[in-house]
Amino acid sequence: MNPQHAEADYGYLTTTGRTSGRLHTVEIWFAVSGETIYLLSGSGGKSDWCRNLESDPSASFRIARTDYPVTGRRVRTNVEQQTAREAVFAKYDPGYGSDLTGWRDASAPYALSPAG
């Protein structure tokens, strides 16, 4: 991934609909740690993008007009959950205008790794 892309305000996650089979794209906050892109689902994993990703982990993530093929998964280990939550929180909380601590702590973390 282009290191400058990690600084973008948002990205676009495209998943395959678990029922329809059609592509679905959402604009979403993200943070990068190493080669992993982390996302937080404020709905605790109940959003369509989460359920689509769990049904078919092959997806793409677009940042600044560049599409990255990725493989997604829900983060299950406590250590990686902490990494995901802190990375996304640290990126967005300072400029948000209100406290994102509750969102950080209650959100379900997801990880996107380079496909291949």
N, C-alpha and C. Protein backbone atom coordinates (compact mmCIF):
# COMPACT_ATOMS: atom_id res chain seq x y z
N MET A 1 0.85 -1.18 0.00
CA MET A 1 0.00 0.00 0.00
C MET A 1 0.90 1.23 0.00
N ASN A 2 0.48 2.22 -0.73
CA ASN A 2 1.15 3.51 -0.74
C ASN A 2 1.03 4.12 0.67
N PRO A 3 2.15 4.43 1.33
CA PRO A 3 2.07 4.96 2.69
C PRO A 3 1.21 6.22 2.82
N GLN A 4 1.16 7.05 1.79
CA GLN A 4 0.33 8.25 1.83
C GLN A 4 -1.15 7.91 1.89
N HIS A 5 -1.53 6.76 1.36
CA HIS A 5 -2.93 6.36 1.39
C HIS A 5 -3.42 6.10 2.81
N ALA A 6 -2.52 5.70 3.70
CA ALA A 6 -2.91 5.44 5.09
C ALA A 6 -3.41 6.70 5.78
N GLU A 7 -3.05 7.87 5.27
CA GLU A 7 -3.45 9.14 5.86
C GLU A 7 -4.80 9.65 5.34
N ALA A 8 -5.36 9.00 4.33
CA ALA A 8 -6.64 9.43 3.78
C ALA A 8 -7.72 9.43 4.86
N ASP A 9 -8.69 10.33 4.73
CA ASP A 9 -9.75 10.44 5.73
C ASP A 9 -10.68 9.24 5.75
N TYR A 10 -10.87 8.61 4.62
CA TYR A 10 -11.76 7.45 4.55
C TYR A 10 -11.39 6.60 3.34
N GLY A 11 -11.93 5.39 3.33
CA GLY A 11 -11.74 4.47 2.22
C GLY A 11 -13.09 3.91 1.82
N TYR A 12 -13.09 3.09 0.79
CA TYR A 12 -14.32 2.47 0.30
C TYR A 12 -14.14 0.96 0.26
N LEU A 13 -14.94 0.28 1.06
CA LEU A 13 -14.92 -1.18 1.12
C LEU A 13 -16.00 -1.72 0.20
N THR A 14 -15.60 -2.62 -0.70
CA THR A 14 -16.56 -3.28 -1.59
C THR A 14 -16.59 -4.76 -1.26
N THR A 15 -17.77 -5.23 -0.88
CA THR A 15 -17.99 -6.63 -0.55
C THR A 15 -19.02 -7.21 -1.53
N THR A 16 -19.13 -8.53 -1.52
CA THR A 16 -20.13 -9.21 -2.33
C THR A 16 -21.32 -9.54 -1.44
N GLY A 17 -22.50 -9.14 -1.86
CA GLY A 17 -23.71 -9.39 -1.07
C GLY A 17 -23.90 -10.87 -0.81
N ARG A 18 -24.12 -11.21 0.44
CA ARG A 18 -24.24 -12.61 0.83
C ARG A 18 -25.50 -13.27 0.29
N THR A 19 -26.52 -12.47 -0.01
CA THR A 19 -27.75 -13.00 -0.57
C THR A 19 -27.88 -12.69 -2.05
N SER A 20 -27.61 -11.44 -2.41
CA SER A 20 -27.81 -11.00 -3.80
C SER A 20 -26.66 -11.36 -4.73
N GLY A 21 -25.45 -11.48 -4.19
CA GLY A 21 -24.29 -11.72 -5.02
C GLY A 21 -23.79 -10.46 -5.72
N ARG A 22 -24.45 -9.33 -5.47
CA ARG A 22 -24.05 -8.06 -6.09
C ARG A 22 -22.99 -7.38 -5.24
N LEU A 23 -22.19 -6.54 -5.89
CA LEU A 23 -21.17 -5.78 -5.18
C LEU A 23 -21.81 -4.63 -4.42
N HIS A 24 -21.34 -4.42 -3.18
CA HIS A 24 -21.82 -3.34 -2.33
C HIS A 24 -20.62 -2.56 -1.80
N THR A 25 -20.70 -1.25 -1.89
CA THR A 25 -19.60 -0.39 -1.46
C THR A 25 -20.06 0.55 -0.36
N VAL A 26 -19.24 0.67 0.69
CA VAL A 26 -19.50 1.60 1.78
C VAL A 26 -18.28 2.49 1.99
N GLU A 27 -18.53 3.73 2.34
CA GLU A 27 -17.46 4.63 2.75
C GLU A 27 -17.22 4.38 4.23
N ILE A 28 -15.95 4.28 4.64
CA ILE A 28 -15.67 3.87 6.01
C ILE A 28 -14.35 4.43 6.51
N TRP A 29 -14.32 4.70 7.82
CA TRP A 29 -13.07 5.06 8.48
C TRP A 29 -12.18 3.83 8.56
N PHE A 30 -10.87 4.05 8.56
CA PHE A 30 -9.93 2.94 8.62
C PHE A 30 -8.61 3.42 9.20
N ALA A 31 -7.79 2.47 9.58
CA ALA A 31 -6.41 2.75 9.99
C ALA A 31 -5.54 1.61 9.49
N VAL A 32 -4.30 1.93 9.23
CA VAL A 32 -3.35 0.95 8.72
C VAL A 32 -2.29 0.68 9.78
N SER A 33 -2.01 -0.60 9.98
CA SER A 33 -0.92 -1.02 10.86
C SER A 33 -0.15 -2.10 10.11
N GLY A 34 1.07 -1.79 9.73
CA GLY A 34 1.82 -2.73 8.91
C GLY A 34 1.15 -2.86 7.56
N GLU A 35 0.82 -4.07 7.17
CA GLU A 35 0.11 -4.31 5.91
C GLU A 35 -1.38 -4.55 6.13
N THR A 36 -1.84 -4.40 7.35
CA THR A 36 -3.25 -4.67 7.69
C THR A 36 -4.03 -3.38 7.77
N ILE A 37 -5.22 -3.40 7.18
CA ILE A 37 -6.17 -2.29 7.27
C ILE A 37 -7.20 -2.68 8.32
N TYR A 38 -7.40 -1.82 9.31
CA TYR A 38 -8.37 -2.10 10.36
C TYR A 38 -9.60 -1.22 10.20
N LEU A 39 -10.76 -1.81 10.46
CA LEU A 39 -12.06 -1.14 10.42
C LEU A 39 -12.78 -1.43 11.72
N LEU A 40 -13.66 -0.54 12.12
CA LEU A 40 -14.50 -0.79 13.30
C LEU A 40 -15.96 -0.68 12.90
N SER A 41 -16.74 -1.65 13.32
CA SER A 41 -18.17 -1.65 13.07
C SER A 41 -18.91 -1.24 14.33
N GLY A 42 -19.49 -0.04 14.30
CA GLY A 42 -20.23 0.45 15.45
C GLY A 42 -21.47 -0.36 15.76
N SER A 43 -21.92 -1.15 14.81
CA SER A 43 -23.11 -1.98 15.03
C SER A 43 -22.74 -3.34 15.60
N GLY A 44 -21.50 -3.51 15.99
CA GLY A 44 -21.09 -4.77 16.59
C GLY A 44 -21.06 -5.93 15.62
N GLY A 45 -20.88 -5.66 14.36
CA GLY A 45 -20.81 -6.72 13.36
C GLY A 45 -22.13 -7.04 12.70
N LYS A 46 -23.16 -6.25 12.96
CA LYS A 46 -24.48 -6.52 12.38
C LYS A 46 -24.71 -5.80 11.05
N SER A 47 -23.81 -4.89 10.68
CA SER A 47 -23.94 -4.17 9.41
C SER A 47 -23.83 -5.14 8.24
N ASP A 48 -24.45 -4.77 7.13
CA ASP A 48 -24.37 -5.62 5.95
C ASP A 48 -22.94 -5.87 5.51
N TRP A 49 -22.10 -4.82 5.56
CA TRP A 49 -20.72 -5.03 5.10
C TRP A 49 -20.01 -6.08 5.95
N CYS A 50 -20.31 -6.12 7.23
CA CYS A 50 -19.70 -7.12 8.13
C CYS A 50 -20.18 -8.52 7.78
N ARG A 51 -21.47 -8.66 7.66
CA ARG A 51 -22.04 -9.98 7.35
C ARG A 51 -21.63 -10.45 5.96
N ASN A 52 -21.53 -9.51 5.00
CA ASN A 52 -21.04 -9.87 3.66
C ASN A 52 -19.60 -10.35 3.73
N LEU A 53 -18.77 -9.64 4.47
CA LEU A 53 -17.35 -9.98 4.59
C LEU A 53 -17.17 -11.33 5.27
N GLU A 54 -18.00 -11.62 6.26
CA GLU A 54 -17.91 -12.91 6.94
C GLU A 54 -18.39 -14.05 6.05
N SER A 55 -19.32 -13.76 5.15
CA SER A 55 -19.82 -14.76 4.22
C SER A 55 -18.82 -15.02 3.09
N ASP A 56 -18.22 -13.95 2.59
CA ASP A 56 -17.23 -14.04 1.49
C ASP A 56 -16.12 -13.05 1.80
N PRO A 57 -14.99 -13.52 2.32
CA PRO A 57 -13.93 -12.62 2.75
C PRO A 57 -13.18 -11.90 1.62
N SER A 58 -13.39 -12.29 0.38
CA SER A 58 -12.73 -11.60 -0.73
C SER A 58 -13.42 -10.27 -0.96
N ALA A 59 -12.64 -9.20 -0.97
CA ALA A 59 -13.20 -7.85 -1.09
C ALA A 59 -12.16 -6.94 -1.73
N SER A 60 -12.52 -5.68 -1.85
CA SER A 60 -11.53 -4.69 -2.29
C SER A 60 -11.70 -3.44 -1.43
N PHE A 61 -10.60 -2.72 -1.27
CA PHE A 61 -10.61 -1.50 -0.49
C PHE A 61 -9.96 -0.42 -1.33
N ARG A 62 -10.71 0.66 -1.59
CA ARG A 62 -10.24 1.74 -2.44
C ARG A 62 -9.86 2.95 -1.58
N ILE A 63 -8.67 3.43 -1.86
CA ILE A 63 -8.19 4.65 -1.21
C ILE A 63 -7.57 5.51 -2.31
N ALA A 64 -8.01 6.75 -2.39
CA ALA A 64 -7.42 7.70 -3.34
C ALA A 64 -7.32 7.13 -4.75
N ARG A 65 -8.41 6.57 -5.22
CA ARG A 65 -8.53 6.03 -6.58
C ARG A 65 -7.66 4.80 -6.85
N THR A 66 -7.17 4.17 -5.79
CA THR A 66 -6.41 2.94 -5.94
C THR A 66 -7.18 1.83 -5.25
N ASP A 67 -7.42 0.75 -5.98
CA ASP A 67 -8.12 -0.41 -5.42
C ASP A 67 -7.11 -1.44 -4.94
N TYR A 68 -7.31 -1.90 -3.72
CA TYR A 68 -6.47 -2.94 -3.14
C TYR A 68 -7.31 -4.19 -2.95
N PRO A 69 -6.95 -5.31 -3.61
CA PRO A 69 -7.65 -6.56 -3.32
C PRO A 69 -7.28 -7.04 -1.92
N VAL A 70 -8.29 -7.38 -1.14
CA VAL A 70 -8.06 -7.75 0.26
C VAL A 70 -8.86 -9.00 0.63
N THR A 71 -8.45 -9.58 1.74
CA THR A 71 -9.18 -10.67 2.37
C THR A 71 -9.54 -10.18 3.77
N GLY A 72 -10.82 -10.21 4.09
CA GLY A 72 -11.29 -9.67 5.36
C GLY A 72 -11.66 -10.73 6.36
N ARG A 73 -11.63 -10.32 7.61
CA ARG A 73 -12.02 -11.21 8.71
C ARG A 73 -12.37 -10.38 9.93
N ARG A 74 -13.21 -10.95 10.76
CA ARG A 74 -13.48 -10.33 12.06
C ARG A 74 -12.32 -10.65 12.98
N VAL A 75 -11.87 -9.67 13.70
CA VAL A 75 -10.74 -9.86 14.62
C VAL A 75 -11.26 -10.52 15.89
N ARG A 76 -10.64 -11.62 16.28
CA ARG A 76 -11.12 -12.40 17.42
C ARG A 76 -10.21 -12.36 18.65
N THR A 77 -8.90 -12.19 18.46
CA THR A 77 -8.01 -12.24 19.61
C THR A 77 -8.01 -10.89 20.33
N ASN A 78 -7.89 -10.93 21.65
CA ASN A 78 -7.90 -9.71 22.46
C ASN A 78 -6.78 -8.76 22.08
N VAL A 79 -5.59 -9.30 21.82
CA VAL A 79 -4.45 -8.46 21.48
C VAL A 79 -4.70 -7.71 20.17
N GLU A 80 -5.17 -8.42 19.16
CA GLU A 80 -5.41 -7.75 17.87
C GLU A 80 -6.63 -6.83 17.95
N GLN A 81 -7.63 -7.18 18.73
CA GLN A 81 -8.76 -6.27 18.92
C GLN A 81 -8.28 -4.94 19.49
N GLN A 82 -7.40 -5.01 20.46
CA GLN A 82 -6.84 -3.80 21.06
C GLN A 82 -6.07 -2.99 20.02
N THR A 83 -5.27 -3.67 19.20
CA THR A 83 -4.51 -3.00 18.14
C THR A 83 -5.44 -2.28 17.18
N ALA A 84 -6.49 -2.97 16.75
CA ALA A 84 -7.44 -2.39 15.80
C ALA A 84 -8.15 -1.18 16.40
N ARG A 85 -8.66 -1.35 17.59
CA ARG A 85 -9.41 -0.26 18.24
C ARG A 85 -8.53 0.97 18.47
N GLU A 86 -7.32 0.75 18.96
CA GLU A 86 -6.43 1.88 19.23
C GLU A 86 -5.99 2.57 17.95
N ALA A 87 -5.72 1.80 16.89
CA ALA A 87 -5.27 2.40 15.63
C ALA A 87 -6.34 3.30 15.03
N VAL A 88 -7.56 2.83 14.96
CA VAL A 88 -8.63 3.63 14.36
C VAL A 88 -8.98 4.81 15.27
N PHE A 89 -9.05 4.56 16.56
CA PHE A 89 -9.35 5.63 17.52
C PHE A 89 -8.30 6.74 17.45
N ALA A 90 -7.02 6.36 17.45
CA ALA A 90 -5.94 7.35 17.43
C ALA A 90 -5.98 8.20 16.17
N LYS A 91 -6.43 7.64 15.07
CA LYS A 91 -6.49 8.40 13.82
C LYS A 91 -7.62 9.42 13.83
N TYR A 92 -8.78 9.06 14.38
CA TYR A 92 -9.97 9.91 14.22
C TYR A 92 -10.37 10.71 15.45
N ASP A 93 -10.07 10.26 16.64
CA ASP A 93 -10.54 10.95 17.84
C ASP A 93 -10.03 12.39 17.97
N PRO A 94 -8.76 12.66 17.70
CA PRO A 94 -8.26 14.02 17.92
C PRO A 94 -9.01 15.11 17.14
N GLY A 95 -9.46 14.82 15.94
CA GLY A 95 -10.13 15.84 15.14
C GLY A 95 -11.63 15.71 15.06
N TYR A 96 -12.21 14.79 15.83
CA TYR A 96 -13.64 14.50 15.66
C TYR A 96 -14.54 15.54 16.30
N GLY A 97 -14.17 16.10 17.40
CA GLY A 97 -15.02 17.10 18.05
C GLY A 97 -15.80 16.59 19.24
N SER A 98 -15.85 15.29 19.42
CA SER A 98 -16.42 14.70 20.63
C SER A 98 -15.68 13.40 20.91
N ASP A 99 -15.93 12.83 22.06
CA ASP A 99 -15.19 11.66 22.52
C ASP A 99 -15.67 10.39 21.80
N LEU A 100 -14.75 9.67 21.19
CA LEU A 100 -15.08 8.43 20.50
C LEU A 100 -14.75 7.18 21.34
N THR A 101 -14.48 7.37 22.62
CA THR A 101 -14.09 6.25 23.48
C THR A 101 -15.15 5.16 23.52
N GLY A 102 -16.41 5.52 23.70
CA GLY A 102 -17.48 4.52 23.75
C GLY A 102 -17.59 3.75 22.46
N TRP A 103 -17.49 4.44 21.33
CA TRP A 103 -17.53 3.80 20.01
C TRP A 103 -16.37 2.83 19.86
N ARG A 104 -15.18 3.29 20.25
CA ARG A 104 -13.99 2.43 20.16
C ARG A 104 -14.18 1.15 20.95
N ASP A 105 -14.66 1.28 22.17
CA ASP A 105 -14.76 0.13 23.07
C ASP A 105 -15.88 -0.84 22.71
N ALA A 106 -16.93 -0.35 22.08
CA ALA A 106 -18.08 -1.21 21.77
C ALA A 106 -18.07 -1.76 20.34
N SER A 107 -17.25 -1.20 19.48
CA SER A 107 -17.24 -1.61 18.07
C SER A 107 -16.61 -2.98 17.86
N ALA A 108 -17.06 -3.64 16.81
CA ALA A 108 -16.46 -4.92 16.41
C ALA A 108 -15.34 -4.63 15.41
N PRO A 109 -14.12 -5.08 15.71
CA PRO A 109 -13.01 -4.81 14.80
C PRO A 109 -12.91 -5.85 13.68
N TYR A 110 -12.54 -5.36 12.51
CA TYR A 110 -12.32 -6.19 11.33
C TYR A 110 -10.95 -5.87 10.76
N ALA A 111 -10.35 -6.86 10.13
CA ALA A 111 -9.03 -6.69 9.53
C ALA A 111 -9.09 -7.07 8.06
N LEU A 112 -8.42 -6.26 7.25
CA LEU A 112 -8.28 -6.54 5.83
C LEU A 112 -6.79 -6.75 5.55
N SER A 113 -6.47 -7.89 4.97
CA SER A 113 -5.08 -8.20 4.61
C SER A 113 -4.96 -8.25 3.10
N PRO A 114 -3.77 -7.95 2.58
CA PRO A 114 -3.60 -8.02 1.13
C PRO A 114 -3.96 -9.41 0.61
N ALA A 115 -4.73 -9.46 -0.46
CA ALA A 115 -5.10 -10.74 -1.06
C ALA A 115 -3.91 -11.30 -1.82
N GLY A 116 -3.86 -12.60 -1.90
CA GLY A 116 -2.80 -13.17 -2.70
C GLY A 116 -2.10 -14.20 -2.01
